[in-house]
Amino acid sequence: MTWMNLLRCSFRRRDALVAGDGTSLPDGAVGAVTGVGAVNGAVNGAVGGLGDFLRFFRSWVTNPLRVAAIAPSGDPLARLMTQEIAPFDGPIIELGPGTGVFTRALLARGVAESDLTLIEYGGEFLPGLQRRFPEARIVQMDAAELSGAGLFEGCPVGAVISGLPLLSMSPAKVEGILAGAFSHMREGGAVYQFTYGPRCPVPRPILDRLGLEASHIGGTVRNLPPAAVYRISRRAD
């Protein structure tokens, strides 16, 4: 089954998929979409197996602009996103944790679970996050409202890991998310953002207005789609 046929089948039977328990995928689509999940480590046990992948896929079908990817990110991308994080960088914010792939990578880097604040808008992901990361602070909110949330009074964060689909958001929303992230950031901290696009997903005018710079720190073809990671930090005076 081609990707275009998969997408047509997915949207043609959208109601059955979203309302079902994950077993009502269109004929022929299960092998194709779970193949994507296997590439990204979702089906082979990296996070939560087939159930996680189908939950992610249903969310994508329901709201493709909010979720923006057909499957959770894979382990290679998670390691790349967190490779510069050290245990003493906490507290750390994760934006859009979804099924928790990057969260687990942060824990593997030695970050204490109690030092994590997970900001997730999608209610469908909250029960899984609460079950898997009971010591983390999990907040359901729009990441663009982070600056006024008062979550880190007197305790600035060392890094922000973002799984948000910035390319599908308006410039105003992207700017609000970054402004909010850096309002809680201590000196030397950075936002780590991945993208499926060919360049940094934050437009240059936004970086200029906020006094930020973006550096490409790596990419991986062992993710579907292939992805690149950027470190976004304050410009030196």
C-alpha atoms as a PDB file:
ATOM      1  CA  MET A   1       0.000   0.000   0.000  1.00  0.00           C
ATOM      2  CA  THR A   2       1.449   3.383  -0.999  1.00  0.00           C
ATOM      3  CA  TRP A   3       1.566   6.319   1.433  1.00  0.00           C
ATOM      4  CA  MET A   4      -1.037   8.222  -0.555  1.00  0.00           C
ATOM      5  CA  ASN A   5      -3.387   5.226  -0.521  1.00  0.00           C
ATOM      6  CA  LEU A   6      -2.762   4.830   3.205  1.00  0.00           C
ATOM      7  CA  LEU A   7      -3.715   8.444   3.816  1.00  0.00           C
ATOM      8  CA  ARG A   8      -6.848   8.129   1.671  1.00  0.00           C
ATOM      9  CA  CYS A   9      -7.890   4.981   3.544  1.00  0.00           C
ATOM     10  CA  SER A  10      -7.158   6.617   6.869  1.00  0.00           C
ATOM     11  CA  PHE A  11      -9.326   9.645   6.224  1.00  0.00           C
ATOM     12  CA  ARG A  12     -12.081   7.637   4.490  1.00  0.00           C
ATOM     13  CA  ARG A  13     -12.480   5.471   7.596  1.00  0.00           C
ATOM     14  CA  ARG A  14     -11.528   8.162  10.097  1.00  0.00           C
ATOM     15  CA  ASP A  15     -14.603   7.823  12.301  1.00  0.00           C
ATOM     16  CA  ALA A  16     -14.149   4.090  12.737  1.00  0.00           C
ATOM     17  CA  LEU A  17     -10.506   4.521  13.607  1.00  0.00           C
ATOM     18  CA  VAL A  18     -10.939   7.334  16.094  1.00  0.00           C
ATOM     19  CA  ALA A  19     -13.907   5.776  17.846  1.00  0.00           C
ATOM     20  CA  GLY A  20     -12.474   2.245  17.886  1.00  0.00           C
ATOM     21  CA  ASP A  21      -9.961   0.425  20.030  1.00  0.00           C
ATOM     22  CA  GLY A  22      -7.190   0.348  17.458  1.00  0.00           C
ATOM     23  CA  THR A  23      -8.395  -2.815  15.700  1.00  0.00           C
ATOM     24  CA  SER A  24     -10.585  -1.070  13.125  1.00  0.00           C
ATOM     25  CA  LEU A  25      -7.861   0.096  10.761  1.00  0.00           C
ATOM     26  CA  PRO A  26      -8.727  -0.183   7.053  1.00  0.00           C
ATOM     27  CA  ASP A  27      -7.893  -3.415   5.248  1.00  0.00           C
ATOM     28  CA  GLY A  28      -4.219  -3.437   4.336  1.00  0.00           C
ATOM     29  CA  ALA A  29      -3.380  -0.373   6.416  1.00  0.00           C
ATOM     30  CA  VAL A  30      -2.287  -2.212   9.561  1.00  0.00           C
ATOM     31  CA  GLY A  31       0.861  -3.578   7.980  1.00  0.00           C
ATOM     32  CA  ALA A  32       1.768  -0.241   6.458  1.00  0.00           C
ATOM     33  CA  VAL A  33       1.231   1.947   9.497  1.00  0.00           C
ATOM     34  CA  THR A  34       2.721  -0.492  11.978  1.00  0.00           C
ATOM     35  CA  GLY A  35       5.712  -0.689   9.677  1.00  0.00           C
ATOM     36  CA  VAL A  36       6.222   3.010  10.281  1.00  0.00           C
ATOM     37  CA  GLY A  37       5.903   2.405  13.994  1.00  0.00           C
ATOM     38  CA  ALA A  38       8.505  -0.338  13.862  1.00  0.00           C
ATOM     39  CA  VAL A  39      10.963   1.994  12.161  1.00  0.00           C
ATOM     40  CA  ASN A  40      10.474   4.533  14.931  1.00  0.00           C
ATOM     41  CA  GLY A  41      10.728   1.984  17.732  1.00  0.00           C
ATOM     42  CA  ALA A  42       7.063   2.125  18.742  1.00  0.00           C
ATOM     43  CA  VAL A  43       6.098  -1.414  17.824  1.00  0.00           C
ATOM     44  CA  ASN A  44       9.323  -3.091  18.947  1.00  0.00           C
ATOM     45  CA  GLY A  45       8.848  -2.088  22.570  1.00  0.00           C
ATOM     46  CA  ALA A  46      10.805   1.171  22.792  1.00  0.00           C
ATOM     47  CA  VAL A  47       7.948   2.954  24.548  1.00  0.00           C
ATOM     48  CA  GLY A  48       4.665   1.121  24.710  1.00  0.00           C
ATOM     49  CA  GLY A  49       4.366  -1.120  21.698  1.00  0.00           C
ATOM     50  CA  LEU A  50       1.558  -1.223  19.209  1.00  0.00           C
ATOM     51  CA  GLY A  51      -0.928   0.459  21.544  1.00  0.00           C
ATOM     52  CA  ASP A  52       1.180   3.620  21.714  1.00  0.00           C
ATOM     53  CA  PHE A  53       1.588   3.702  17.977  1.00  0.00           C
ATOM     54  CA  LEU A  54      -2.129   3.305  17.284  1.00  0.00           C
ATOM     55  CA  ARG A  55      -2.985   5.974  19.870  1.00  0.00           C
ATOM     56  CA  PHE A  56      -0.535   8.340  18.184  1.00  0.00           C
ATOM     57  CA  PHE A  57      -1.861   7.461  14.740  1.00  0.00           C
ATOM     58  CA  ARG A  58      -5.472   8.058  15.800  1.00  0.00           C
ATOM     59  CA  SER A  59      -4.463  11.457  17.199  1.00  0.00           C
ATOM     60  CA  TRP A  60      -2.778  12.308  13.902  1.00  0.00           C
ATOM     61  CA  VAL A  61      -5.874  11.332  11.923  1.00  0.00           C
ATOM     62  CA  THR A  62      -8.067  13.407  14.236  1.00  0.00           C
ATOM     63  CA  ASN A  63      -5.868  16.516  14.158  1.00  0.00           C
ATOM     64  CA  PRO A  64      -2.908  16.243  11.742  1.00  0.00           C
ATOM     65  CA  LEU A  65      -1.824  19.863  12.261  1.00  0.00           C
ATOM     66  CA  ARG A  66      -1.536  19.427  16.021  1.00  0.00           C
ATOM     67  CA  VAL A  67       0.205  16.045  15.966  1.00  0.00           C
ATOM     68  CA  ALA A  68       1.931  16.460  12.554  1.00  0.00           C
ATOM     69  CA  ALA A  69       3.623  13.024  12.532  1.00  0.00           C
ATOM     70  CA  ILE A  70       2.106   9.646  11.767  1.00  0.00           C
ATOM     71  CA  ALA A  71       4.098   7.842  14.484  1.00  0.00           C
ATOM     72  CA  PRO A  72       6.040   8.611  17.663  1.00  0.00           C
ATOM     73  CA  SER A  73       9.675   9.607  17.238  1.00  0.00           C
ATOM     74  CA  GLY A  74      12.257   6.846  17.271  1.00  0.00           C
ATOM     75  CA  ASP A  75      15.082   6.148  19.698  1.00  0.00           C
ATOM     76  CA  PRO A  76      17.847   7.575  17.429  1.00  0.00           C
ATOM     77  CA  LEU A  77      16.061  10.938  17.298  1.00  0.00           C
ATOM     78  CA  ALA A  78      15.406  10.835  21.047  1.00  0.00           C
ATOM     79  CA  ARG A  79      19.104  10.270  21.752  1.00  0.00           C
ATOM     80  CA  LEU A  80      20.040  13.112  19.411  1.00  0.00           C
ATOM     81  CA  MET A  81      17.546  15.471  21.058  1.00  0.00           C
ATOM     82  CA  THR A  82      18.927  14.771  24.525  1.00  0.00           C
ATOM     83  CA  GLN A  83      22.636  14.227  23.843  1.00  0.00           C
ATOM     84  CA  GLU A  84      23.652  17.576  25.364  1.00  0.00           C
ATOM     85  CA  ILE A  85      21.528  17.203  28.500  1.00  0.00           C
ATOM     86  CA  ALA A  86      23.268  16.406  31.803  1.00  0.00           C
ATOM     87  CA  PRO A  87      21.696  15.305  35.112  1.00  0.00           C
ATOM     88  CA  PHE A  88      22.422  18.703  36.707  1.00  0.00           C
ATOM     89  CA  ASP A  89      20.523  20.587  33.969  1.00  0.00           C
ATOM     90  CA  GLY A  90      17.214  20.098  35.765  1.00  0.00           C
ATOM     91  CA  PRO A  91      14.580  21.262  36.117  1.00  0.00           C
ATOM     92  CA  ILE A  92      13.696  20.606  32.486  1.00  0.00           C
ATOM     93  CA  ILE A  93      10.546  21.334  30.498  1.00  0.00           C
ATOM     94  CA  GLU A  94       9.360  19.001  27.774  1.00  0.00           C
ATOM     95  CA  LEU A  95       6.827  20.414  25.331  1.00  0.00           C
ATOM     96  CA  GLY A  96       4.538  17.938  23.601  1.00  0.00           C
ATOM     97  CA  PRO A  97       5.844  14.711  25.168  1.00  0.00           C
ATOM     98  CA  GLY A  98       3.161  12.586  23.485  1.00  0.00           C
ATOM     99  CA  THR A  99       3.889   8.959  24.349  1.00  0.00           C
ATOM    100  CA  GLY A 100       7.070   9.801  26.268  1.00  0.00           C
ATOM    101  CA  VAL A 101       9.881   8.868  23.854  1.00  0.00           C
ATOM    102  CA  PHE A 102      11.990  11.941  24.653  1.00  0.00           C
ATOM    103  CA  THR A 103      11.024  11.684  28.328  1.00  0.00           C
ATOM    104  CA  ARG A 104      12.568   8.252  28.577  1.00  0.00           C
ATOM    105  CA  ALA A 105      15.685   9.502  26.828  1.00  0.00           C
ATOM    106  CA  LEU A 106      15.988  12.286  29.418  1.00  0.00           C
ATOM    107  CA  LEU A 107      15.745   9.743  32.219  1.00  0.00           C
ATOM    108  CA  ALA A 108      18.402   7.639  30.491  1.00  0.00           C
ATOM    109  CA  ARG A 109      20.670  10.711  30.559  1.00  0.00           C
ATOM    110  CA  GLY A 110      20.381  10.734  34.338  1.00  0.00           C
ATOM    111  CA  VAL A 111      17.823  13.510  34.759  1.00  0.00           C
ATOM    112  CA  ALA A 112      15.665  12.923  37.830  1.00  0.00           C
ATOM    113  CA  GLU A 113      12.031  12.240  36.971  1.00  0.00           C
ATOM    114  CA  SER A 114      10.979  14.754  39.631  1.00  0.00           C
ATOM    115  CA  ASP A 115      12.931  17.429  37.715  1.00  0.00           C
ATOM    116  CA  LEU A 116      10.702  17.052  34.637  1.00  0.00           C
ATOM    117  CA  THR A 117       7.688  19.174  33.775  1.00  0.00           C
ATOM    118  CA  LEU A 118       5.764  17.724  30.844  1.00  0.00           C
ATOM    119  CA  ILE A 119       3.513  20.188  28.998  1.00  0.00           C
ATOM    120  CA  GLU A 120       0.964  18.259  26.933  1.00  0.00           C
ATOM    121  CA  TYR A 121      -2.097  19.716  25.229  1.00  0.00           C
ATOM    122  CA  GLY A 122      -3.544  16.441  23.958  1.00  0.00           C
ATOM    123  CA  GLY A 123      -5.725  14.857  26.598  1.00  0.00           C
ATOM    124  CA  GLU A 124      -5.440  11.452  24.924  1.00  0.00           C
ATOM    125  CA  PHE A 125      -1.770  11.252  25.955  1.00  0.00           C
ATOM    126  CA  LEU A 126      -2.177  12.282  29.610  1.00  0.00           C
ATOM    127  CA  PRO A 127      -3.158   8.925  31.160  1.00  0.00           C
ATOM    128  CA  GLY A 128      -0.147   7.182  29.638  1.00  0.00           C
ATOM    129  CA  LEU A 129       2.224   9.920  30.777  1.00  0.00           C
ATOM    130  CA  GLN A 130       0.809   9.895  34.298  1.00  0.00           C
ATOM    131  CA  ARG A 131       1.133   6.114  34.472  1.00  0.00           C
ATOM    132  CA  ARG A 132       4.695   5.975  33.139  1.00  0.00           C
ATOM    133  CA  PHE A 133       6.143   9.039  34.853  1.00  0.00           C
ATOM    134  CA  PRO A 134       4.362   9.371  38.212  1.00  0.00           C
ATOM    135  CA  GLU A 135       7.084  11.558  39.732  1.00  0.00           C
ATOM    136  CA  ALA A 136       7.089  14.105  36.889  1.00  0.00           C
ATOM    137  CA  ARG A 137       4.883  17.183  36.917  1.00  0.00           C
ATOM    138  CA  ILE A 138       2.406  16.819  34.053  1.00  0.00           C
ATOM    139  CA  VAL A 139       0.449  19.897  32.974  1.00  0.00           C
ATOM    140  CA  GLN A 140      -2.251  20.008  30.315  1.00  0.00           C
ATOM    141  CA  MET A 141      -1.971  23.381  28.627  1.00  0.00           C
ATOM    142  CA  ASP A 142      -1.160  25.205  25.405  1.00  0.00           C
ATOM    143  CA  ALA A 143       2.605  25.701  25.237  1.00  0.00           C
ATOM    144  CA  ALA A 144       2.041  29.212  23.849  1.00  0.00           C
ATOM    145  CA  GLU A 145       0.705  30.202  27.302  1.00  0.00           C
ATOM    146  CA  LEU A 146       3.858  29.126  29.112  1.00  0.00           C
ATOM    147  CA  SER A 147       5.097  32.621  29.924  1.00  0.00           C
ATOM    148  CA  GLY A 148       2.126  33.377  32.162  1.00  0.00           C
ATOM    149  CA  ALA A 149       1.851  29.979  33.806  1.00  0.00           C
ATOM    150  CA  GLY A 150       3.996  30.728  36.861  1.00  0.00           C
ATOM    151  CA  LEU A 151       5.340  27.188  36.952  1.00  0.00           C
ATOM    152  CA  PHE A 152       8.929  27.946  37.876  1.00  0.00           C
ATOM    153  CA  GLU A 153       8.914  30.858  40.270  1.00  0.00           C
ATOM    154  CA  GLY A 154      12.443  31.258  41.621  1.00  0.00           C
ATOM    155  CA  CYS A 155      13.711  28.089  39.956  1.00  0.00           C
ATOM    156  CA  PRO A 156      14.616  28.638  36.288  1.00  0.00           C
ATOM    157  CA  VAL A 157      14.990  25.636  34.002  1.00  0.00           C
ATOM    158  CA  GLY A 158      18.155  24.414  32.335  1.00  0.00           C
ATOM    159  CA  ALA A 159      16.686  23.193  29.057  1.00  0.00           C
ATOM    160  CA  VAL A 160      13.490  22.786  27.073  1.00  0.00           C
ATOM    161  CA  ILE A 161      12.974  19.714  24.883  1.00  0.00           C
ATOM    162  CA  SER A 162      10.345  20.402  22.253  1.00  0.00           C
ATOM    163  CA  GLY A 163       8.433  17.780  20.319  1.00  0.00           C
ATOM    164  CA  LEU A 164       6.027  20.384  18.970  1.00  0.00           C
ATOM    165  CA  PRO A 165       5.283  20.597  15.219  1.00  0.00           C
ATOM    166  CA  LEU A 166       6.408  24.206  14.773  1.00  0.00           C
ATOM    167  CA  LEU A 167       6.162  24.038  10.981  1.00  0.00           C
ATOM    168  CA  SER A 168       2.391  23.599  11.227  1.00  0.00           C
ATOM    169  CA  MET A 169       1.956  26.590  13.577  1.00  0.00           C
ATOM    170  CA  SER A 170       1.508  30.281  12.873  1.00  0.00           C
ATOM    171  CA  PRO A 171       4.543  32.567  13.359  1.00  0.00           C
ATOM    172  CA  ALA A 172       2.758  34.283  16.240  1.00  0.00           C
ATOM    173  CA  LYS A 173       2.275  30.971  18.042  1.00  0.00           C
ATOM    174  CA  VAL A 174       5.879  29.901  17.454  1.00  0.00           C
ATOM    175  CA  GLU A 175       7.089  33.220  18.850  1.00  0.00           C
ATOM    176  CA  GLY A 176       4.813  32.863  21.887  1.00  0.00           C
ATOM    177  CA  ILE A 177       6.136  29.373  22.604  1.00  0.00           C
ATOM    178  CA  LEU A 178       9.776  30.448  22.402  1.00  0.00           C
ATOM    179  CA  ALA A 179       9.210  33.620  24.409  1.00  0.00           C
ATOM    180  CA  GLY A 180       7.509  31.556  27.105  1.00  0.00           C
ATOM    181  CA  ALA A 181      10.259  28.949  27.128  1.00  0.00           C
ATOM    182  CA  PHE A 182      13.014  31.521  27.549  1.00  0.00           C
ATOM    183  CA  SER A 183      11.078  33.416  30.195  1.00  0.00           C
ATOM    184  CA  HIS A 184      11.719  30.381  32.418  1.00  0.00           C
ATOM    185  CA  MET A 185      15.273  29.675  31.199  1.00  0.00           C
ATOM    186  CA  ARG A 186      18.426  30.296  33.182  1.00  0.00           C
ATOM    187  CA  GLU A 187      21.604  31.627  31.584  1.00  0.00           C
ATOM    188  CA  GLY A 188      23.212  29.099  29.284  1.00  0.00           C
ATOM    189  CA  GLY A 189      20.010  27.123  28.790  1.00  0.00           C
ATOM    190  CA  ALA A 190      18.645  26.140  25.396  1.00  0.00           C
ATOM    191  CA  VAL A 191      15.599  24.869  23.567  1.00  0.00           C
ATOM    192  CA  TYR A 192      16.128  21.675  21.586  1.00  0.00           C
ATOM    193  CA  GLN A 193      13.783  21.388  18.625  1.00  0.00           C
ATOM    194  CA  PHE A 194      13.562  18.799  15.877  1.00  0.00           C
ATOM    195  CA  THR A 195      12.124  19.267  12.428  1.00  0.00           C
ATOM    196  CA  TYR A 196      11.306  17.240   9.342  1.00  0.00           C
ATOM    197  CA  GLY A 197      12.056  20.269   7.164  1.00  0.00           C
ATOM    198  CA  PRO A 198      15.308  21.281   5.425  1.00  0.00           C
ATOM    199  CA  ARG A 199      16.085  24.209   7.759  1.00  0.00           C
ATOM    200  CA  CYS A 200      15.439  25.532  11.245  1.00  0.00           C
ATOM    201  CA  PRO A 201      11.672  25.582  11.865  1.00  0.00           C
ATOM    202  CA  VAL A 202      11.892  28.965  13.610  1.00  0.00           C
ATOM    203  CA  PRO A 203      11.913  31.832  11.052  1.00  0.00           C
ATOM    204  CA  ARG A 204      14.869  34.209  11.246  1.00  0.00           C
ATOM    205  CA  PRO A 205      12.705  37.282  12.037  1.00  0.00           C
ATOM    206  CA  ILE A 206      11.412  35.539  15.159  1.00  0.00           C
ATOM    207  CA  LEU A 207      14.919  34.620  16.258  1.00  0.00           C
ATOM    208  CA  ASP A 208      16.011  38.232  15.695  1.00  0.00           C
ATOM    209  CA  ARG A 209      13.117  39.719  17.673  1.00  0.00           C
ATOM    210  CA  LEU A 210      13.776  37.424  20.622  1.00  0.00           C
ATOM    211  CA  GLY A 211      17.566  37.771  20.519  1.00  0.00           C
ATOM    212  CA  LEU A 212      18.089  34.080  19.790  1.00  0.00           C
ATOM    213  CA  GLU A 213      20.275  31.987  17.522  1.00  0.00           C
ATOM    214  CA  ALA A 214      19.814  28.474  16.150  1.00  0.00           C
ATOM    215  CA  SER A 215      22.545  25.886  15.596  1.00  0.00           C
ATOM    216  CA  HIS A 216      22.121  22.609  13.751  1.00  0.00           C
ATOM    217  CA  ILE A 217      23.462  19.858  16.026  1.00  0.00           C
ATOM    218  CA  GLY A 218      22.699  16.788  13.958  1.00  0.00           C
ATOM    219  CA  GLY A 219      20.243  14.727  12.014  1.00  0.00           C
ATOM    220  CA  THR A 220      19.128  11.136  11.621  1.00  0.00           C
ATOM    221  CA  VAL A 221      17.752   9.132   8.715  1.00  0.00           C
ATOM    222  CA  ARG A 222      16.844   6.393  11.196  1.00  0.00           C
ATOM    223  CA  ASN A 223      13.538   8.114  11.860  1.00  0.00           C
ATOM    224  CA  LEU A 224      10.461   8.237   9.690  1.00  0.00           C
ATOM    225  CA  PRO A 225      10.429  10.896   8.400  1.00  0.00           C
ATOM    226  CA  PRO A 226      14.164  11.703   8.675  1.00  0.00           C
ATOM    227  CA  ALA A 227      14.711  14.532  11.135  1.00  0.00           C
ATOM    228  CA  ALA A 228      17.182  17.263  12.076  1.00  0.00           C
ATOM    229  CA  VAL A 229      17.753  18.792  15.514  1.00  0.00           C
ATOM    230  CA  TYR A 230      18.508  22.425  16.370  1.00  0.00           C
ATOM    231  CA  ARG A 231      19.748  24.047  19.542  1.00  0.00           C
ATOM    232  CA  ILE A 232      18.122  27.456  20.073  1.00  0.00           C
ATOM    233  CA  SER A 233      19.852  29.704  22.596  1.00  0.00           C
ATOM    234  CA  ARG A 234      20.284  33.318  23.567  1.00  0.00           C
ATOM    235  CA  ARG A 235      22.754  35.296  21.504  1.00  0.00           C
ATOM    236  CA  ALA A 236      25.935  36.376  23.203  1.00  0.00           C
ATOM    237  CA  ASP A 237      25.960  40.076  24.095  1.00  0.00           C
END
